[in-house]
């Protein structure tokens, strides 16, 4: 029997989102590379450099999917754990040789202040309540520990932004039909990116949930933004 072909709606019910990602898991990494023009590899490397994990650190990679991002983080020598609520994604990631944990970002199975650093790439946008997720990430991180959120964002140059939105809503779903195991999921992807807050709005949102020293860096003209922060010591 083939993979269930489904998409989530923008209310982001966890069961629907997990089922949607189960349906794209088989060709997820290949599809991402095609749709990003190969930029996904660069984004993963820059995320690792921004998080700056060190040997001996315990690092959690939330919404890790098939754990390709966790493997990149583990190049640092840190103890890196992949966490996702899609069992299909984790099944695809079994061969990657990093610890895998099935869990929802809203209820992480880790003790308070037990991690040196946490990161979530292209996943905060998909959780039912990003504010709860940011609070939960702060809960499990040691005071002074690091957070990096890598997420689709708002291109900074207006003419490019117009072209990009057109690509999202028209070209991306069309391309996904050729390469994805669940192309309907990429209609949701385009809609969720368009509805997501811009860089300053996300920074304000992160700061409201236990994080300080907020900075962000635009990648690929602002298609993606990398937000960095430290866990508040108070």
C-alpha atoms as a PDB file:
ATOM      1  CA  UNK A   1       0.000   0.000   0.000  1.00  0.00           C
ATOM      2  CA  UNK A   2       1.376   3.464  -0.870  1.00  0.00           C
ATOM      3  CA  UNK A   3       1.969   6.294   1.571  1.00  0.00           C
ATOM      4  CA  UNK A   4      -1.072   8.167   2.787  1.00  0.00           C
ATOM      5  CA  UNK A   5      -1.407  11.319   0.710  1.00  0.00           C
ATOM      6  CA  UNK A   6      -2.540  14.104   2.983  1.00  0.00           C
ATOM      7  CA  UNK A   7      -1.915  17.689   3.942  1.00  0.00           C
ATOM      8  CA  UNK A   8      -2.443  19.619   7.138  1.00  0.00           C
ATOM      9  CA  UNK A   9      -4.437  22.814   7.494  1.00  0.00           C
ATOM     10  CA  UNK A  10      -3.143  26.033   9.031  1.00  0.00           C
ATOM     11  CA  UNK A  11      -4.706  25.184  12.404  1.00  0.00           C
ATOM     12  CA  UNK A  12      -1.854  22.623  12.599  1.00  0.00           C
ATOM     13  CA  UNK A  13      -3.523  19.823  14.500  1.00  0.00           C
ATOM     14  CA  UNK A  14      -0.602  17.622  15.650  1.00  0.00           C
ATOM     15  CA  UNK A  15      -2.044  14.346  14.337  1.00  0.00           C
ATOM     16  CA  UNK A  16      -2.662  15.891  10.907  1.00  0.00           C
ATOM     17  CA  UNK A  17       0.801  17.452  10.707  1.00  0.00           C
ATOM     18  CA  UNK A  18       2.481  14.200  11.792  1.00  0.00           C
ATOM     19  CA  UNK A  19       0.486  12.208   9.219  1.00  0.00           C
ATOM     20  CA  UNK A  20       1.412  14.713   6.524  1.00  0.00           C
ATOM     21  CA  UNK A  21       5.121  14.371   7.291  1.00  0.00           C
ATOM     22  CA  UNK A  22       4.806  10.586   7.436  1.00  0.00           C
ATOM     23  CA  UNK A  23       3.572  10.858   3.856  1.00  0.00           C
ATOM     24  CA  UNK A  24       6.565  12.874   2.613  1.00  0.00           C
ATOM     25  CA  UNK A  25       9.250  11.040   4.616  1.00  0.00           C
ATOM     26  CA  UNK A  26      10.432   8.655   1.905  1.00  0.00           C
ATOM     27  CA  UNK A  27      11.599  11.404  -0.471  1.00  0.00           C
ATOM     28  CA  UNK A  28      11.771  14.289   1.986  1.00  0.00           C
ATOM     29  CA  UNK A  29      15.494  15.039   1.842  1.00  0.00           C
ATOM     30  CA  UNK A  30      15.677  14.729  -1.939  1.00  0.00           C
ATOM     31  CA  UNK A  31      12.632  16.978  -2.360  1.00  0.00           C
ATOM     32  CA  UNK A  32      14.076  19.635  -0.038  1.00  0.00           C
ATOM     33  CA  UNK A  33      17.331  19.704  -1.968  1.00  0.00           C
ATOM     34  CA  UNK A  34      15.506  20.102  -5.293  1.00  0.00           C
ATOM     35  CA  UNK A  35      13.063  22.774  -4.084  1.00  0.00           C
ATOM     36  CA  UNK A  36      15.774  24.798  -2.328  1.00  0.00           C
ATOM     37  CA  UNK A  37      18.209  24.601  -5.239  1.00  0.00           C
ATOM     38  CA  UNK A  38      20.693  22.838  -2.964  1.00  0.00           C
ATOM     39  CA  UNK A  39      20.633  25.633  -0.372  1.00  0.00           C
ATOM     40  CA  UNK A  40      19.398  23.238   2.343  1.00  0.00           C
ATOM     41  CA  UNK A  41      22.940  21.911   2.865  1.00  0.00           C
ATOM     42  CA  UNK A  42      24.289  25.434   3.365  1.00  0.00           C
ATOM     43  CA  UNK A  43      21.469  26.293   5.793  1.00  0.00           C
ATOM     44  CA  UNK A  44      22.281  23.214   7.895  1.00  0.00           C
ATOM     45  CA  UNK A  45      25.965  24.104   8.039  1.00  0.00           C
ATOM     46  CA  UNK A  46      25.260  27.704   9.063  1.00  0.00           C
ATOM     47  CA  UNK A  47      22.821  26.502  11.717  1.00  0.00           C
ATOM     48  CA  UNK A  48      25.548  24.298  13.217  1.00  0.00           C
ATOM     49  CA  UNK A  49      28.032  27.175  13.184  1.00  0.00           C
ATOM     50  CA  UNK A  50      25.514  29.507  14.856  1.00  0.00           C
ATOM     51  CA  UNK A  51      24.616  26.998  17.576  1.00  0.00           C
ATOM     52  CA  UNK A  52      28.334  26.293  18.107  1.00  0.00           C
ATOM     53  CA  UNK A  53      27.990  22.898  19.823  1.00  0.00           C
ATOM     54  CA  UNK A  54      31.135  21.580  21.519  1.00  0.00           C
ATOM     55  CA  UNK A  55      32.378  18.120  22.537  1.00  0.00           C
ATOM     56  CA  UNK A  56      30.721  17.213  25.830  1.00  0.00           C
ATOM     57  CA  UNK A  57      27.643  19.340  25.164  1.00  0.00           C
ATOM     58  CA  UNK A  58      24.189  17.762  25.076  1.00  0.00           C
ATOM     59  CA  UNK A  59      22.208  19.153  22.145  1.00  0.00           C
ATOM     60  CA  UNK A  60      18.584  18.607  21.133  1.00  0.00           C
ATOM     61  CA  UNK A  61      17.516  18.921  17.491  1.00  0.00           C
ATOM     62  CA  UNK A  62      13.719  19.375  17.559  1.00  0.00           C
ATOM     63  CA  UNK A  63      11.611  18.674  14.453  1.00  0.00           C
ATOM     64  CA  UNK A  64      14.690  16.882  13.145  1.00  0.00           C
ATOM     65  CA  UNK A  65      12.796  14.897  10.520  1.00  0.00           C
ATOM     66  CA  UNK A  66      15.059  12.230   9.057  1.00  0.00           C
ATOM     67  CA  UNK A  67      17.939  13.451  11.291  1.00  0.00           C
ATOM     68  CA  UNK A  68      20.051  14.822   8.443  1.00  0.00           C
ATOM     69  CA  UNK A  69      20.275  18.087  10.426  1.00  0.00           C
ATOM     70  CA  UNK A  70      21.300  16.161  13.549  1.00  0.00           C
ATOM     71  CA  UNK A  71      24.135  14.479  11.679  1.00  0.00           C
ATOM     72  CA  UNK A  72      25.398  17.927  10.677  1.00  0.00           C
ATOM     73  CA  UNK A  73      25.276  19.078  14.312  1.00  0.00           C
ATOM     74  CA  UNK A  74      27.060  15.920  15.467  1.00  0.00           C
ATOM     75  CA  UNK A  75      30.067  16.801  13.301  1.00  0.00           C
ATOM     76  CA  UNK A  76      31.014  19.101  16.192  1.00  0.00           C
ATOM     77  CA  UNK A  77      31.595  16.153  18.536  1.00  0.00           C
ATOM     78  CA  UNK A  78      28.624  17.095  20.745  1.00  0.00           C
ATOM     79  CA  UNK A  79      26.069  14.539  21.951  1.00  0.00           C
ATOM     80  CA  UNK A  80      23.206  15.350  19.563  1.00  0.00           C
ATOM     81  CA  UNK A  81      19.679  13.916  19.794  1.00  0.00           C
ATOM     82  CA  UNK A  82      17.095  13.991  16.997  1.00  0.00           C
ATOM     83  CA  UNK A  83      13.510  14.593  18.109  1.00  0.00           C
ATOM     84  CA  UNK A  84      10.404  14.501  15.921  1.00  0.00           C
ATOM     85  CA  UNK A  85       6.736  13.526  16.264  1.00  0.00           C
ATOM     86  CA  UNK A  86       6.561  11.939  12.809  1.00  0.00           C
ATOM     87  CA  UNK A  87       7.334   8.241  13.162  1.00  0.00           C
ATOM     88  CA  UNK A  88       7.704   8.033   9.392  1.00  0.00           C
ATOM     89  CA  UNK A  89      10.483  10.609   9.478  1.00  0.00           C
ATOM     90  CA  UNK A  90      12.262   8.876  12.338  1.00  0.00           C
ATOM     91  CA  UNK A  91      11.968   5.545  10.515  1.00  0.00           C
ATOM     92  CA  UNK A  92      13.778   7.074   7.538  1.00  0.00           C
ATOM     93  CA  UNK A  93      16.439   8.463   9.883  1.00  0.00           C
ATOM     94  CA  UNK A  94      17.306   5.171  11.607  1.00  0.00           C
ATOM     95  CA  UNK A  95      20.342   4.563   9.410  1.00  0.00           C
ATOM     96  CA  UNK A  96      21.982   7.860  10.343  1.00  0.00           C
ATOM     97  CA  UNK A  97      23.535   6.657  13.589  1.00  0.00           C
ATOM     98  CA  UNK A  98      22.287   9.362  15.958  1.00  0.00           C
ATOM     99  CA  UNK A  99      19.882   8.924  18.907  1.00  0.00           C
ATOM    100  CA  UNK A 100      16.221   9.314  17.900  1.00  0.00           C
ATOM    101  CA  UNK A 101      13.355  10.339  20.186  1.00  0.00           C
ATOM    102  CA  UNK A 102       9.675  10.408  19.206  1.00  0.00           C
ATOM    103  CA  UNK A 103       8.156  13.451  20.918  1.00  0.00           C
ATOM    104  CA  UNK A 104       6.052  16.563  20.387  1.00  0.00           C
ATOM    105  CA  UNK A 105       7.779  19.953  20.713  1.00  0.00           C
ATOM    106  CA  UNK A 106       4.950  20.959  23.058  1.00  0.00           C
ATOM    107  CA  UNK A 107       5.841  18.210  25.575  1.00  0.00           C
ATOM    108  CA  UNK A 108       9.528  17.372  25.453  1.00  0.00           C
ATOM    109  CA  UNK A 109      10.593  14.283  27.469  1.00  0.00           C
ATOM    110  CA  UNK A 110      13.648  15.944  28.999  1.00  0.00           C
ATOM    111  CA  UNK A 111      14.313  17.260  32.479  1.00  0.00           C
ATOM    112  CA  UNK A 112      14.442  20.956  33.297  1.00  0.00           C
ATOM    113  CA  UNK A 113      17.760  22.623  32.427  1.00  0.00           C
ATOM    114  CA  UNK A 114      19.233  19.353  31.127  1.00  0.00           C
ATOM    115  CA  UNK A 115      20.511  20.512  27.715  1.00  0.00           C
ATOM    116  CA  UNK A 116      23.334  22.817  26.686  1.00  0.00           C
ATOM    117  CA  UNK A 117      21.724  23.876  23.430  1.00  0.00           C
ATOM    118  CA  UNK A 118      18.529  23.373  21.429  1.00  0.00           C
ATOM    119  CA  UNK A 119      17.649  24.016  17.819  1.00  0.00           C
ATOM    120  CA  UNK A 120      14.622  23.715  15.591  1.00  0.00           C
ATOM    121  CA  UNK A 121      14.890  24.053  11.815  1.00  0.00           C
ATOM    122  CA  UNK A 122      11.805  24.570   9.657  1.00  0.00           C
ATOM    123  CA  UNK A 123       9.673  23.124  12.440  1.00  0.00           C
ATOM    124  CA  UNK A 124       8.510  25.944  14.715  1.00  0.00           C
ATOM    125  CA  UNK A 125       6.159  27.023  11.943  1.00  0.00           C
ATOM    126  CA  UNK A 126       4.492  23.595  12.015  1.00  0.00           C
ATOM    127  CA  UNK A 127       3.688  23.211  15.722  1.00  0.00           C
ATOM    128  CA  UNK A 128       0.159  23.853  16.972  1.00  0.00           C
ATOM    129  CA  UNK A 129       1.338  26.524  19.441  1.00  0.00           C
ATOM    130  CA  UNK A 130       4.781  28.076  18.772  1.00  0.00           C
ATOM    131  CA  UNK A 131       4.641  30.025  22.040  1.00  0.00           C
ATOM    132  CA  UNK A 132       4.259  26.837  24.078  1.00  0.00           C
ATOM    133  CA  UNK A 133       7.079  25.245  22.066  1.00  0.00           C
ATOM    134  CA  UNK A 134       9.416  28.182  22.760  1.00  0.00           C
ATOM    135  CA  UNK A 135       8.619  27.973  26.470  1.00  0.00           C
ATOM    136  CA  UNK A 136       9.231  24.228  26.445  1.00  0.00           C
ATOM    137  CA  UNK A 137      12.568  24.684  24.674  1.00  0.00           C
ATOM    138  CA  UNK A 138      13.541  27.200  27.353  1.00  0.00           C
ATOM    139  CA  UNK A 139      12.480  24.799  30.117  1.00  0.00           C
ATOM    140  CA  UNK A 140      14.843  22.027  29.002  1.00  0.00           C
ATOM    141  CA  UNK A 141      17.802  24.346  28.344  1.00  0.00           C
ATOM    142  CA  UNK A 142      20.372  25.300  30.967  1.00  0.00           C
ATOM    143  CA  UNK A 143      20.521  28.987  31.955  1.00  0.00           C
ATOM    144  CA  UNK A 144      22.811  30.660  29.448  1.00  0.00           C
ATOM    145  CA  UNK A 145      22.329  27.792  26.980  1.00  0.00           C
ATOM    146  CA  UNK A 146      21.841  28.486  23.295  1.00  0.00           C
ATOM    147  CA  UNK A 147      18.871  28.388  20.950  1.00  0.00           C
ATOM    148  CA  UNK A 148      18.926  28.589  17.168  1.00  0.00           C
ATOM    149  CA  UNK A 149      15.697  28.744  15.168  1.00  0.00           C
ATOM    150  CA  UNK A 150      16.206  28.303  11.427  1.00  0.00           C
ATOM    151  CA  UNK A 151      12.953  29.080   9.629  1.00  0.00           C
ATOM    152  CA  UNK A 152      11.508  30.390   6.400  1.00  0.00           C
ATOM    153  CA  UNK A 153      11.014  34.126   6.639  1.00  0.00           C
ATOM    154  CA  UNK A 154      10.391  37.313   4.640  1.00  0.00           C
ATOM    155  CA  UNK A 155      12.728  38.367   1.795  1.00  0.00           C
ATOM    156  CA  UNK A 156      14.016  41.839   2.569  1.00  0.00           C
ATOM    157  CA  UNK A 157      14.009  43.292  -0.982  1.00  0.00           C
ATOM    158  CA  UNK A 158      10.466  44.052  -2.100  1.00  0.00           C
ATOM    159  CA  UNK A 159      10.791  43.057  -5.800  1.00  0.00           C
ATOM    160  CA  UNK A 160      12.421  39.760  -4.809  1.00  0.00           C
ATOM    161  CA  UNK A 161       9.716  39.195  -2.181  1.00  0.00           C
ATOM    162  CA  UNK A 162       7.031  39.502  -4.871  1.00  0.00           C
ATOM    163  CA  UNK A 163       8.778  36.962  -7.094  1.00  0.00           C
ATOM    164  CA  UNK A 164       9.322  34.631  -4.139  1.00  0.00           C
ATOM    165  CA  UNK A 165       5.670  34.634  -3.085  1.00  0.00           C
ATOM    166  CA  UNK A 166       4.707  33.829  -6.670  1.00  0.00           C
ATOM    167  CA  UNK A 167       7.173  30.910  -6.612  1.00  0.00           C
ATOM    168  CA  UNK A 168       5.748  29.674  -3.305  1.00  0.00           C
ATOM    169  CA  UNK A 169       2.131  29.679  -4.374  1.00  0.00           C
ATOM    170  CA  UNK A 170       2.533  28.482  -7.968  1.00  0.00           C
ATOM    171  CA  UNK A 171       5.891  26.946  -8.838  1.00  0.00           C
ATOM    172  CA  UNK A 172       6.676  25.118  -5.596  1.00  0.00           C
ATOM    173  CA  UNK A 173       3.545  22.909  -5.548  1.00  0.00           C
ATOM    174  CA  UNK A 174       4.011  22.190  -9.255  1.00  0.00           C
ATOM    175  CA  UNK A 175       7.641  21.132  -8.746  1.00  0.00           C
ATOM    176  CA  UNK A 176       6.648  19.043  -5.726  1.00  0.00           C
ATOM    177  CA  UNK A 177       4.309  16.971  -7.902  1.00  0.00           C
ATOM    178  CA  UNK A 178       7.348  15.809  -9.843  1.00  0.00           C
ATOM    179  CA  UNK A 179       9.609  14.874  -6.936  1.00  0.00           C
ATOM    180  CA  UNK A 180       7.630  14.437  -3.694  1.00  0.00           C
ATOM    181  CA  UNK A 181       5.921  11.321  -2.354  1.00  0.00           C
ATOM    182  CA  UNK A 182       3.084  13.567  -1.056  1.00  0.00           C
ATOM    183  CA  UNK A 183       2.868  16.724  -3.206  1.00  0.00           C
ATOM    184  CA  UNK A 184      -0.255  18.032  -1.429  1.00  0.00           C
ATOM    185  CA  UNK A 185       1.897  18.622   1.637  1.00  0.00           C
ATOM    186  CA  UNK A 186       3.793  21.298  -0.274  1.00  0.00           C
ATOM    187  CA  UNK A 187       0.608  23.305  -0.804  1.00  0.00           C
ATOM    188  CA  UNK A 188       0.431  23.499   2.994  1.00  0.00           C
ATOM    189  CA  UNK A 189       4.148  24.380   3.056  1.00  0.00           C
ATOM    190  CA  UNK A 190       3.604  27.367   0.763  1.00  0.00           C
ATOM    191  CA  UNK A 191       0.580  28.588   2.723  1.00  0.00           C
ATOM    192  CA  UNK A 192       2.293  28.225   6.105  1.00  0.00           C
ATOM    193  CA  UNK A 193       5.370  30.153   4.950  1.00  0.00           C
ATOM    194  CA  UNK A 194       3.232  33.003   3.641  1.00  0.00           C
ATOM    195  CA  UNK A 195       1.347  33.191   6.966  1.00  0.00           C
ATOM    196  CA  UNK A 196       4.490  33.105   9.164  1.00  0.00           C
ATOM    197  CA  UNK A 197       5.685  36.302  10.953  1.00  0.00           C
ATOM    198  CA  UNK A 198       8.624  38.287   9.636  1.00  0.00           C
ATOM    199  CA  UNK A 199      12.044  38.473  11.277  1.00  0.00           C
ATOM    200  CA  UNK A 200      11.411  41.230  13.890  1.00  0.00           C
ATOM    201  CA  UNK A 201       8.036  39.742  14.858  1.00  0.00           C
ATOM    202  CA  UNK A 202       9.547  36.301  15.426  1.00  0.00           C
ATOM    203  CA  UNK A 203      12.407  37.789  17.456  1.00  0.00           C
ATOM    204  CA  UNK A 204       9.869  39.526  19.712  1.00  0.00           C
ATOM    205  CA  UNK A 205       7.956  36.276  20.095  1.00  0.00           C
ATOM    206  CA  UNK A 206      11.088  34.313  21.062  1.00  0.00           C
ATOM    207  CA  UNK A 207      12.123  36.956  23.618  1.00  0.00           C
ATOM    208  CA  UNK A 208       8.739  36.671  25.347  1.00  0.00           C
ATOM    209  CA  UNK A 209       9.361  33.035  26.329  1.00  0.00           C
ATOM    210  CA  UNK A 210      12.514  32.856  28.404  1.00  0.00           C
ATOM    211  CA  UNK A 211      15.135  33.859  25.831  1.00  0.00           C
ATOM    212  CA  UNK A 212      17.421  36.885  25.671  1.00  0.00           C
ATOM    213  CA  UNK A 213      20.230  38.408  23.551  1.00  0.00           C
ATOM    214  CA  UNK A 214      18.167  37.900  20.389  1.00  0.00           C
ATOM    215  CA  UNK A 215      19.912  38.250  17.039  1.00  0.00           C
ATOM    216  CA  UNK A 216      18.954  37.163  13.560  1.00  0.00           C
ATOM    217  CA  UNK A 217      20.766  36.665  10.287  1.00  0.00           C
ATOM    218  CA  UNK A 218      19.084  36.609   6.889  1.00  0.00           C
ATOM    219  CA  UNK A 219      20.044  33.779   4.553  1.00  0.00           C
ATOM    220  CA  UNK A 220      19.409  33.677   0.800  1.00  0.00           C
ATOM    221  CA  UNK A 221      17.990  37.187   0.745  1.00  0.00           C
ATOM    222  CA  UNK A 222      15.698  36.577   3.704  1.00  0.00           C
ATOM    223  CA  UNK A 223      14.007  33.466   2.322  1.00  0.00           C
ATOM    224  CA  UNK A 224      15.348  31.914   5.521  1.00  0.00           C
ATOM    225  CA  UNK A 225      16.289  33.637   8.771  1.00  0.00           C
ATOM    226  CA  UNK A 226      18.466  32.268  11.546  1.00  0.00           C
ATOM    227  CA  UNK A 227      17.408  33.506  14.993  1.00  0.00           C
ATOM    228  CA  UNK A 228      19.886  33.059  17.863  1.00  0.00           C
ATOM    229  CA  UNK A 229      19.263  33.532  21.583  1.00  0.00           C
ATOM    230  CA  UNK A 230      20.465  32.586  25.056  1.00  0.00           C
ATOM    231  CA  UNK A 231      18.383  31.036  27.807  1.00  0.00           C
ATOM    232  CA  UNK A 232      17.594  33.680  30.379  1.00  0.00           C
ATOM    233  CA  UNK A 233      19.464  33.213  33.681  1.00  0.00           C
ATOM    234  CA  UNK A 234      16.492  34.470  35.705  1.00  0.00           C
END
